[in-house]
C-alpha cells in the first residue's frame, strides 16, 4: 500500500508587516510639523499613542515585528497578546514608537531644531521598514556583528533613511543648505543603521531615535569655518597623535592590558581624542585608562575567585574601548569642528569622568566586599550583580571622577563652575548606569557595553545641554 505524506505549507508572508505599514503611514503627520505649534505636535503624538494602545489591539491587528516566521507564529492568539497589554513584546514596539516621536518633539520641537524631529522620524520609520523588506527580499551575506541582519537590509536602511530624512528636512527647514542637509541626513542614517543592527533585545524604536536625534543635534553645530581655523596646527597634531597612540597601544598590548582588537580600537579613539585639544584632552583619556587598568588589576585573584573578575585576565577588547571612549572621541572631534569649543570640551570632560567613575567603582567595590546593594530596592546582592552598588565602590568611583575633573581644571580646560557641572554630570551618568544595569541589563535586553555607552553619553549630553544653556 503506498504511503502518503502530507505537509502544511505556510503561506508566503508579505514583505511589509502590518506593524511596519502602521509606522510608515504615521510618517505622513511629519509633513504637518511646520504648521503645528509645539503643544499641537505633542498632542498628535499622544493621540497616536492612544490609537496604538487602545484601537489596534481591539481590532485584532497583527503587530508582530517581522512578517516572517514559522506556521506556529502565524496563528498567534492576538486576543491573548492584547490582554497582556504592553508587557507583551509583540505590542511593546508599537507603544514605544509614538512615545519616541513624543520624546523627539519634547527635545527638539522648537522651531530652530524642528527638522531633527522630522528627519529622525523618517529614519526610524522608512529606514527600519526598508531594512526589513530588503533583508527578506534580497537576503545576501550577514553582518559580522549580527548574523540575524544582512548587508542588503543595512544598505536599505541607509538609503531609505537618507532619502526620507532629506526630503522632510527640506520640507520642514528649507533654509538649511541642500548639501549640508544631505551630508547630515546620510551620516545620521548610517548611525541609525548601526544602532538598528546592534545585537541587543531592546526595541529599536527606542534606541534609533534617541541616538540618531542626539547625533544629528550635534552635527548641526559643525561649521567649515571652525575646522578651517584649526587646520594650521592639525597636521602636526595628527602626527603626534599617531606616534603617541601607536606607542601606547603597543605597550598596553605587551602588558596584556588590552587584546589586539582593544589595541586597534584604542589607537583610533586615542588619535581622535588627541586631535580635539592636543595632549591635554588625551591626558584625560590616558588617565582614565591608567586608573581603570590599575583598579582592574587590584585584587584580581580575589575577584576571580568570586567569579566577578574581567575576562581575559583583565585585558580590554574593542567593545570595552568603544563603550567607554567612543563618546569622548566624538565630542573631541566636535571641539575642533564647531564654534562651541567650550561646551563640547565640557562634555568631553564629563564623559571621561563618568567612564573613570564607573570603572573604578565596579572594580574596587567588587574587591572590597563580596556583596552590594541593588540600587532600585537596596536589597543585598552578590558583588558584581548588575545594578549593584556599594559604599566603598561608590566612594572610589567618586574619587576617580573627581580626579579626571581636577586634572582638566589644572590644565585650564575648565573653570571652577564648569568643573562642578562636569563632575555633577559624571555622577548623574554613573547613577543612570546603575539604574540601567538593574533594569534593562538584568532582563538581558542590553549588554554591559551598551550600559556603559549610555552612561558616558548621558553624562556628556547633560554637561553639553547645561553649557549651551548658559551660553558657552
Protein backbone atom coordinates (compact mmCIF):
# COMPACT_ATOMS: atom_id res chain seq x y z
CA UNK A 1 0.00 0.00 0.00
CA UNK A 2 1.54 3.32 -0.99
CA UNK A 3 2.35 5.73 1.75
CA UNK A 4 1.17 9.25 1.57
CA UNK A 5 2.85 12.12 3.31
CA UNK A 6 1.38 15.49 3.85
CA UNK A 7 2.90 18.73 4.92
CA UNK A 8 1.48 22.05 5.82
CA UNK A 9 2.94 24.82 3.75
CA UNK A 10 2.83 28.18 5.43
CA UNK A 11 1.53 30.97 3.24
CA UNK A 12 4.13 33.34 1.95
CA UNK A 13 4.36 36.27 4.31
CA UNK A 14 4.10 39.78 2.91
CA UNK A 15 7.30 41.80 2.81
CA UNK A 16 5.69 44.60 4.80
CA UNK A 17 4.08 43.60 8.09
CA UNK A 18 1.07 45.44 9.45
CA UNK A 19 3.33 46.89 12.13
CA UNK A 20 5.69 48.46 9.59
CA UNK A 21 2.78 49.76 7.50
CA UNK A 22 1.37 51.50 10.58
CA UNK A 23 4.77 53.00 11.40
CA UNK A 24 5.39 54.25 7.88
CA UNK A 25 1.86 55.63 7.42
CA UNK A 26 2.20 57.70 10.60
CA UNK A 27 5.11 59.49 8.95
CA UNK A 28 2.55 61.45 6.92
CA UNK A 29 1.89 63.54 10.03
CA UNK A 30 5.51 64.71 9.97
CA UNK A 31 4.62 66.91 6.98
CA UNK A 32 2.28 68.85 9.27
CA UNK A 33 5.07 69.84 11.66
CA UNK A 34 5.74 73.28 10.11
CA UNK A 35 2.08 74.19 10.65
CA UNK A 36 1.74 72.97 14.22
CA UNK A 37 2.74 74.56 17.49
CA UNK A 38 4.92 72.63 19.91
CA UNK A 39 1.87 71.75 22.03
CA UNK A 40 -0.16 70.66 18.99
CA UNK A 41 2.63 68.41 17.75
CA UNK A 42 2.96 66.81 21.17
CA UNK A 43 -0.82 66.33 21.25
CA UNK A 44 -0.71 64.50 17.92
CA UNK A 45 1.94 62.14 19.29
CA UNK A 46 -0.25 61.48 22.33
CA UNK A 47 -3.21 60.71 20.08
CA UNK A 48 -1.06 58.27 18.10
CA UNK A 49 -0.07 56.60 21.36
CA UNK A 50 -3.71 56.30 22.37
CA UNK A 51 -4.63 54.86 18.97
CA UNK A 52 -1.86 52.26 19.15
CA UNK A 53 -2.58 51.36 22.74
CA UNK A 54 -6.38 51.16 22.57
CA UNK A 55 -7.63 50.80 19.00
CA UNK A 56 -5.14 48.45 17.34
CA UNK A 57 -5.45 45.67 19.97
CA UNK A 58 -9.26 45.85 19.80
CA UNK A 59 -9.40 45.35 16.04
CA UNK A 60 -7.06 42.35 16.24
CA UNK A 61 -4.26 43.84 14.15
CA UNK A 62 -1.20 41.61 13.76
CA UNK A 63 1.50 43.83 15.22
CA UNK A 64 4.41 41.40 15.23
CA UNK A 65 7.73 42.98 14.30
CA UNK A 66 8.51 40.63 11.44
CA UNK A 67 6.09 39.11 8.94
CA UNK A 68 8.36 36.11 8.59
CA UNK A 69 8.21 33.14 10.87
CA UNK A 70 7.02 29.58 11.35
CA UNK A 71 3.49 28.37 10.86
CA UNK A 72 3.05 28.35 14.60
CA UNK A 73 3.85 32.05 14.75
CA UNK A 74 1.19 32.70 12.12
CA UNK A 75 -1.56 31.55 14.45
CA UNK A 76 -0.53 33.79 17.35
CA UNK A 77 -3.50 34.47 19.61
CA UNK A 78 -3.84 38.23 19.27
CA UNK A 79 -6.55 38.45 21.90
CA UNK A 80 -4.17 36.98 24.47
CA UNK A 81 -1.46 39.38 23.35
CA UNK A 82 -3.86 42.29 23.75
CA UNK A 83 -4.86 41.12 27.23
CA UNK A 84 -1.24 41.15 28.32
CA UNK A 85 -1.01 44.76 27.15
CA UNK A 86 2.36 46.44 26.90
CA UNK A 87 4.01 43.65 28.84
CA UNK A 88 3.91 41.54 25.69
CA UNK A 89 6.85 42.24 23.40
CA UNK A 90 4.54 41.97 20.39
CA UNK A 91 2.95 45.26 21.44
CA UNK A 92 5.90 46.91 23.13
CA UNK A 93 7.33 48.32 19.90
CA UNK A 94 4.04 49.75 18.68
CA UNK A 95 3.68 51.57 22.00
CA UNK A 96 7.28 52.75 22.09
CA UNK A 97 7.04 54.21 18.57
CA UNK A 98 4.70 57.14 19.38
CA UNK A 99 6.45 57.61 22.73
CA UNK A 100 9.72 58.08 20.84
CA UNK A 101 8.06 60.57 18.50
CA UNK A 102 6.72 62.44 21.53
CA UNK A 103 10.19 62.46 23.10
CA UNK A 104 11.70 63.84 19.88
CA UNK A 105 9.12 66.63 19.92
CA UNK A 106 9.81 67.42 23.57
CA UNK A 107 13.57 67.55 22.98
CA UNK A 108 13.79 69.16 19.54
CA UNK A 109 10.31 70.58 18.91
CA UNK A 110 11.32 74.24 18.89
CA UNK A 111 11.44 75.97 15.51
CA UNK A 112 15.24 76.01 15.48
CA UNK A 113 15.57 72.22 15.63
CA UNK A 114 12.24 71.03 14.21
CA UNK A 115 13.95 69.41 11.23
CA UNK A 116 15.60 66.96 13.64
CA UNK A 117 12.19 65.65 14.70
CA UNK A 118 11.10 65.15 11.09
CA UNK A 119 14.39 63.67 9.85
CA UNK A 120 14.84 61.21 12.70
CA UNK A 121 11.18 60.23 12.43
CA UNK A 122 11.79 59.39 8.75
CA UNK A 123 14.90 57.40 9.58
CA UNK A 124 13.01 55.47 12.25
CA UNK A 125 10.02 54.69 10.02
CA UNK A 126 11.41 54.38 6.49
CA UNK A 127 14.86 53.09 7.39
CA UNK A 128 13.60 50.30 9.61
CA UNK A 129 10.80 49.36 7.22
CA UNK A 130 13.05 49.24 4.18
CA UNK A 131 15.71 47.28 6.06
CA UNK A 132 13.17 44.54 6.73
CA UNK A 133 11.96 44.47 3.12
CA UNK A 134 15.46 44.47 1.63
CA UNK A 135 16.72 41.90 4.11
CA UNK A 136 13.86 39.48 3.37
CA UNK A 137 13.74 40.04 -0.39
CA UNK A 138 17.44 40.20 -1.24
CA UNK A 139 18.97 38.15 1.57
CA UNK A 140 22.72 38.07 0.99
CA UNK A 141 25.60 37.87 3.47
CA UNK A 142 25.03 38.61 7.14
CA UNK A 143 26.58 41.44 9.10
CA UNK A 144 29.70 40.38 11.03
CA UNK A 145 28.38 41.90 14.28
CA UNK A 146 24.86 40.47 13.95
CA UNK A 147 24.18 37.27 12.00
CA UNK A 148 20.43 37.95 12.08
CA UNK A 149 20.90 41.08 9.93
CA UNK A 150 22.09 41.31 6.33
CA UNK A 151 24.17 43.81 4.39
CA UNK A 152 21.24 44.31 2.00
CA UNK A 153 18.99 45.32 4.88
CA UNK A 154 21.73 47.55 6.30
CA UNK A 155 22.16 49.31 2.95
CA UNK A 156 18.39 49.60 2.52
CA UNK A 157 18.12 51.30 5.90
CA UNK A 158 20.78 53.87 4.99
CA UNK A 159 19.37 54.66 1.53
CA UNK A 160 15.73 54.93 2.57
CA UNK A 161 16.58 56.71 5.81
CA UNK A 162 18.75 59.25 4.00
CA UNK A 163 16.14 59.93 1.31
CA UNK A 164 13.27 60.29 3.77
CA UNK A 165 15.26 62.41 6.21
CA UNK A 166 16.50 64.70 3.43
CA UNK A 167 13.00 65.16 1.98
CA UNK A 168 11.49 66.06 5.35
CA UNK A 169 14.42 68.28 6.28
CA UNK A 170 13.94 70.29 3.10
CA UNK A 171 10.19 70.45 3.76
CA UNK A 172 10.39 71.47 7.40
CA UNK A 173 13.53 73.64 7.22
CA UNK A 174 14.05 74.90 3.65
CA UNK A 175 16.64 77.35 4.94
CA UNK A 176 19.14 74.54 5.57
CA UNK A 177 21.57 74.36 2.66
CA UNK A 178 20.88 71.28 0.49
CA UNK A 179 24.42 69.90 0.59
CA UNK A 180 24.60 70.34 4.38
CA UNK A 181 21.22 68.66 4.83
CA UNK A 182 22.25 65.72 2.64
CA UNK A 183 25.53 65.15 4.49
CA UNK A 184 23.90 65.32 7.91
CA UNK A 185 20.98 63.08 6.91
CA UNK A 186 23.30 60.48 5.34
CA UNK A 187 25.59 60.42 8.37
CA UNK A 188 22.65 60.13 10.75
CA UNK A 189 21.06 57.36 8.68
CA UNK A 190 24.35 55.45 8.87
CA UNK A 191 24.40 55.80 12.65
CA UNK A 192 20.76 54.75 12.79
CA UNK A 193 21.52 51.65 10.71
CA UNK A 194 24.35 50.69 13.07
CA UNK A 195 22.10 51.11 16.11
CA UNK A 196 19.22 49.20 14.48
CA UNK A 197 21.50 46.28 13.62
CA UNK A 198 23.15 46.10 17.06
CA UNK A 199 22.67 42.64 18.63
CA UNK A 200 20.56 43.79 21.57
CA UNK A 201 16.99 42.92 22.53
CA UNK A 202 15.91 46.46 23.37
CA UNK A 203 13.35 47.66 20.81
CA UNK A 204 14.97 49.75 18.09
CA UNK A 205 12.00 52.15 18.16
CA UNK A 206 13.63 53.41 21.36
CA UNK A 207 17.32 53.17 20.54
CA UNK A 208 17.35 54.52 16.97
CA UNK A 209 15.58 57.86 17.65
CA UNK A 210 17.47 58.50 20.89
CA UNK A 211 20.92 58.01 19.40
CA UNK A 212 20.12 59.43 15.96
CA UNK A 213 18.47 62.54 17.39
CA UNK A 214 21.40 63.35 19.67
CA UNK A 215 23.89 62.68 16.87
CA UNK A 216 22.05 64.92 14.38
CA UNK A 217 21.66 67.66 17.01
CA UNK A 218 25.44 67.77 17.43
CA UNK A 219 26.14 67.68 13.69
CA UNK A 220 24.16 70.86 13.13
CA UNK A 221 26.82 72.69 15.18
CA UNK A 222 29.58 71.67 12.76
CA UNK A 223 30.82 74.54 10.59
CA UNK A 224 33.52 74.57 7.94
CA UNK A 225 34.91 77.86 9.23
CA UNK A 226 35.60 76.28 12.63
CA UNK A 227 37.59 73.45 11.05
CA UNK A 228 39.45 75.88 8.76
CA UNK A 229 40.58 77.91 11.76
CA UNK A 230 42.09 74.77 13.31
CA UNK A 231 43.71 73.38 10.15
CA UNK A 232 47.09 75.15 10.56
CA UNK A 233 48.07 73.04 13.58
CA UNK A 234 46.07 69.85 12.95
CA UNK A 235 48.71 68.36 10.64
CA UNK A 236 51.40 68.40 13.33
CA UNK A 237 48.89 67.29 15.96
CA UNK A 238 47.87 64.32 13.80
CA UNK A 239 51.46 63.12 13.51
CA UNK A 240 51.98 63.41 17.26
CA UNK A 241 48.64 61.70 17.92
CA UNK A 242 49.54 58.73 15.71
CA UNK A 243 53.03 58.37 17.22
CA UNK A 244 51.92 58.63 20.85
CA UNK A 245 48.95 56.31 20.46
CA UNK A 246 50.90 53.74 18.47
CA UNK A 247 53.50 53.57 21.24
CA UNK A 248 50.90 53.30 23.99
CA UNK A 249 48.83 50.73 22.10
CA UNK A 250 51.91 48.55 21.66
CA UNK A 251 52.83 48.98 25.34
CA UNK A 252 49.31 48.16 26.55
CA UNK A 253 49.22 45.10 24.29
CA UNK A 254 52.60 43.94 25.61
CA UNK A 255 51.45 44.34 29.22
CA UNK A 256 48.22 42.47 28.36
CA UNK A 257 46.06 45.41 29.40
CA UNK A 258 44.25 45.08 26.05
CA UNK A 259 43.93 42.43 23.38
CA UNK A 260 44.58 43.10 19.70
CA UNK A 261 41.12 44.46 18.95
CA UNK A 262 41.33 46.67 22.02
CA UNK A 263 44.71 47.99 20.92
CA UNK A 264 43.48 48.87 17.41
CA UNK A 265 40.27 50.48 18.66
CA UNK A 266 42.14 52.31 21.42
CA UNK A 267 44.62 53.64 18.88
CA UNK A 268 41.88 55.07 16.64
CA UNK A 269 39.92 56.57 19.51
CA UNK A 270 43.10 57.95 21.06
CA UNK A 271 44.03 59.72 17.83
CA UNK A 272 40.56 61.30 17.68
CA UNK A 273 40.80 62.47 21.30
CA UNK A 274 44.31 63.88 20.77
CA UNK A 275 43.07 65.93 17.80
CA UNK A 276 40.50 67.67 19.99
CA UNK A 277 42.75 69.56 22.38
CA UNK A 278 46.17 68.05 21.92
CA UNK A 279 47.94 66.40 24.81
CA UNK A 280 45.53 67.97 27.31
CA UNK A 281 42.43 66.14 26.06
CA UNK A 282 44.46 62.98 25.51
CA UNK A 283 45.85 63.09 29.04
CA UNK A 284 42.31 62.78 30.40
CA UNK A 285 41.72 59.66 28.32
CA UNK A 286 45.09 58.23 29.31
CA UNK A 287 44.42 58.90 32.99
CA UNK A 288 41.06 57.15 32.74
CA UNK A 289 42.68 54.16 31.06
CA UNK A 290 45.51 54.03 33.58
CA UNK A 291 43.39 54.20 36.74
CA UNK A 292 40.84 51.83 35.21
CA UNK A 293 43.53 49.28 34.40
CA UNK A 294 45.07 49.61 37.86
CA UNK A 295 41.65 49.19 39.51
CA UNK A 296 41.05 46.08 37.40
CA UNK A 297 44.35 44.50 38.50
CA UNK A 298 43.88 45.33 42.20
CA UNK A 299 42.63 42.22 43.97
CA UNK A 300 42.19 40.38 40.69
CA UNK A 301 42.71 36.96 42.28
CA UNK A 302 40.00 37.63 44.88
CA UNK A 303 37.60 38.90 42.22
CA UNK A 304 38.38 35.90 40.03
CA UNK A 305 37.62 33.54 42.91
CA UNK A 306 34.22 35.21 43.30
CA UNK A 307 33.59 34.94 39.56
CA UNK A 308 33.31 38.69 39.01
CA UNK A 309 36.74 39.50 37.52
CA UNK A 310 37.08 40.84 34.00
CA UNK A 311 37.60 38.16 31.39
CA UNK A 312 40.87 37.60 29.54
CA UNK A 313 42.90 38.43 32.65
CA UNK A 314 41.56 41.99 32.64
CA UNK A 315 42.64 42.70 29.05
CA UNK A 316 40.16 45.07 27.42
CA UNK A 317 38.73 44.36 23.96
CA UNK A 318 37.38 46.78 21.35
CA UNK A 319 33.97 46.53 22.98
CA UNK A 320 35.18 47.96 26.29
CA UNK A 321 37.28 50.57 24.50
CA UNK A 322 34.36 51.78 22.38
CA UNK A 323 31.84 51.64 25.23
CA UNK A 324 33.95 53.90 27.44
CA UNK A 325 35.77 56.16 24.98
CA UNK A 326 33.69 56.49 21.80
CA UNK A 327 31.57 59.32 23.23
CA UNK A 328 34.64 61.22 24.39
CA UNK A 329 36.24 60.82 20.95
CA UNK A 330 33.08 62.12 19.28
CA UNK A 331 32.97 65.22 21.47
CA UNK A 332 36.68 65.73 20.91
CA UNK A 333 36.17 65.96 17.14
CA UNK A 334 33.34 68.43 17.69
CA UNK A 335 35.68 70.62 19.75
CA UNK A 336 37.63 71.45 16.58
CA UNK A 337 34.73 71.48 14.10
CA UNK A 338 32.28 73.81 15.88
CA UNK A 339 32.31 77.31 17.30
CA UNK A 340 31.10 75.96 20.66
CA UNK A 341 34.51 74.67 21.71
CA UNK A 342 33.93 75.26 25.43
CA UNK A 343 30.59 73.42 25.51
CA UNK A 344 31.87 70.30 23.76
CA UNK A 345 35.06 70.37 25.78
CA UNK A 346 32.96 70.30 28.94
CA UNK A 347 31.00 67.34 27.52
CA UNK A 348 34.32 65.59 26.80
CA UNK A 349 35.45 66.06 30.41
CA UNK A 350 32.16 64.78 31.81
CA UNK A 351 32.20 61.70 29.56
CA UNK A 352 35.67 60.59 30.67
CA UNK A 353 34.92 61.45 34.31
CA UNK A 354 31.86 59.20 34.15
CA UNK A 355 33.81 56.39 32.48
CA UNK A 356 36.52 56.58 35.14
CA UNK A 357 33.99 56.65 37.97
CA UNK A 358 32.02 53.71 36.62
CA UNK A 359 35.06 51.51 36.01
CA UNK A 360 36.74 52.22 39.34
CA UNK A 361 33.54 51.91 41.39
CA UNK A 362 32.83 48.48 39.90
CA UNK A 363 36.36 47.12 40.28
CA UNK A 364 37.07 48.47 43.74
CA UNK A 365 33.60 47.64 45.04
CA UNK A 366 33.95 44.01 43.94
CA UNK A 367 37.40 43.82 45.54
CA UNK A 368 36.46 45.34 48.89
CA UNK A 369 33.27 43.42 49.55
CA UNK A 370 31.53 40.26 48.43
CA UNK A 371 28.13 41.93 48.42
CA UNK A 372 26.46 45.10 47.17
CA UNK A 373 23.06 46.77 47.32
CA UNK A 374 20.63 46.82 44.40
CA UNK A 375 20.15 50.47 43.50
CA UNK A 376 16.42 50.05 42.86
CA UNK A 377 15.49 48.10 46.01
CA UNK A 378 18.57 48.41 48.30
CA UNK A 379 18.42 44.66 48.84
CA UNK A 380 21.73 42.88 49.45
CA UNK A 381 23.01 41.18 46.28
CA UNK A 382 26.31 39.46 45.41
CA UNK A 383 29.17 41.71 44.33
CA UNK A 384 29.20 42.12 40.55
CA UNK A 385 25.40 41.91 40.23
CA UNK A 386 24.09 44.23 37.50
CA UNK A 387 22.75 47.35 39.21
CA UNK A 388 24.51 46.61 42.50
CA UNK A 389 26.32 49.44 44.28
CA UNK A 390 28.49 49.52 47.37
CA UNK A 391 29.65 52.27 49.70
CA UNK A 392 33.34 51.61 49.13
CA UNK A 393 32.94 51.32 45.38
CA UNK A 394 30.85 54.49 45.18
CA UNK A 395 33.44 56.47 47.15
CA UNK A 396 36.26 55.15 44.96
CA UNK A 397 34.28 55.94 41.82
CA UNK A 398 33.56 59.46 43.02
CA UNK A 399 37.25 59.99 43.69
CA UNK A 400 38.13 58.75 40.19
CA UNK A 401 35.62 61.12 38.57
CA UNK A 402 36.93 63.96 40.72
CA UNK A 403 40.48 63.16 39.65
CA UNK A 404 39.60 63.48 35.95
CA UNK A 405 37.76 66.77 36.50
CA UNK A 406 40.56 68.11 38.74
CA UNK A 407 43.08 67.24 36.04
CA UNK A 408 41.03 69.15 33.44
CA UNK A 409 40.80 72.11 35.82
CA UNK A 410 44.55 72.05 36.47
CA UNK A 411 45.28 72.10 32.74
CA UNK A 412 42.97 75.08 32.24
CA UNK A 413 40.33 73.21 30.28
CA UNK A 414 37.53 74.40 32.55
CA UNK A 415 36.90 76.86 35.35
CA UNK A 416 35.52 76.14 38.81
CA UNK A 417 31.88 76.48 37.80
CA UNK A 418 32.32 74.24 34.76
CA UNK A 419 34.23 71.71 36.85
CA UNK A 420 31.21 71.43 39.14
CA UNK A 421 28.97 70.91 36.11
CA UNK A 422 31.23 68.21 34.67
CA UNK A 423 31.50 66.35 37.98
CA UNK A 424 27.75 66.55 38.60
CA UNK A 425 27.04 65.24 35.09
CA UNK A 426 29.52 62.39 35.62
CA UNK A 427 27.84 61.37 38.88
CA UNK A 428 24.42 61.51 37.17
CA UNK A 429 25.79 59.30 34.40
CA UNK A 430 27.06 56.79 36.96
CA UNK A 431 23.62 56.67 38.59
CA UNK A 432 21.97 56.08 35.21
CA UNK A 433 24.49 53.33 34.51
CA UNK A 434 23.49 51.54 37.71
CA UNK A 435 19.77 52.02 37.04
CA UNK A 436 20.07 50.58 33.54
CA UNK A 437 22.07 47.69 34.94
CA UNK A 438 19.36 46.95 37.49
CA UNK A 439 16.57 47.10 34.91
CA UNK A 440 17.43 46.57 31.25
CA UNK A 441 20.67 44.63 31.71
CA UNK A 442 19.14 42.41 34.39
CA UNK A 443 16.46 41.39 31.90
CA UNK A 444 19.01 40.69 29.18
CA UNK A 445 17.77 43.49 26.93
CA UNK A 446 21.18 45.19 26.67
CA UNK A 447 24.79 44.28 27.30
CA UNK A 448 27.15 45.83 29.82
CA UNK A 449 28.89 47.65 26.97
CA UNK A 450 25.65 49.31 25.90
CA UNK A 451 25.00 50.35 29.51
CA UNK A 452 28.49 51.87 29.75
CA UNK A 453 27.97 53.69 26.45
CA UNK A 454 24.65 55.05 27.71
CA UNK A 455 26.30 56.28 30.91
CA UNK A 456 29.05 58.22 29.15
CA UNK A 457 26.55 59.54 26.57
CA UNK A 458 24.18 60.81 29.25
CA UNK A 459 26.97 62.47 31.22
CA UNK A 460 28.35 64.20 28.15
CA UNK A 461 24.91 65.22 26.87
CA UNK A 462 23.87 66.62 30.25
CA UNK A 463 27.03 68.70 30.53
CA UNK A 464 26.62 69.86 26.93
CA UNK A 465 23.00 70.95 27.43
CA UNK A 466 23.87 72.90 30.58
CA UNK A 467 26.84 74.54 28.85
CA UNK A 468 24.74 75.57 25.83
CA UNK A 469 22.00 76.84 28.12
CA UNK A 470 24.39 79.14 29.97
CA UNK A 471 25.85 80.41 26.71
CA UNK A 472 29.05 78.51 26.08
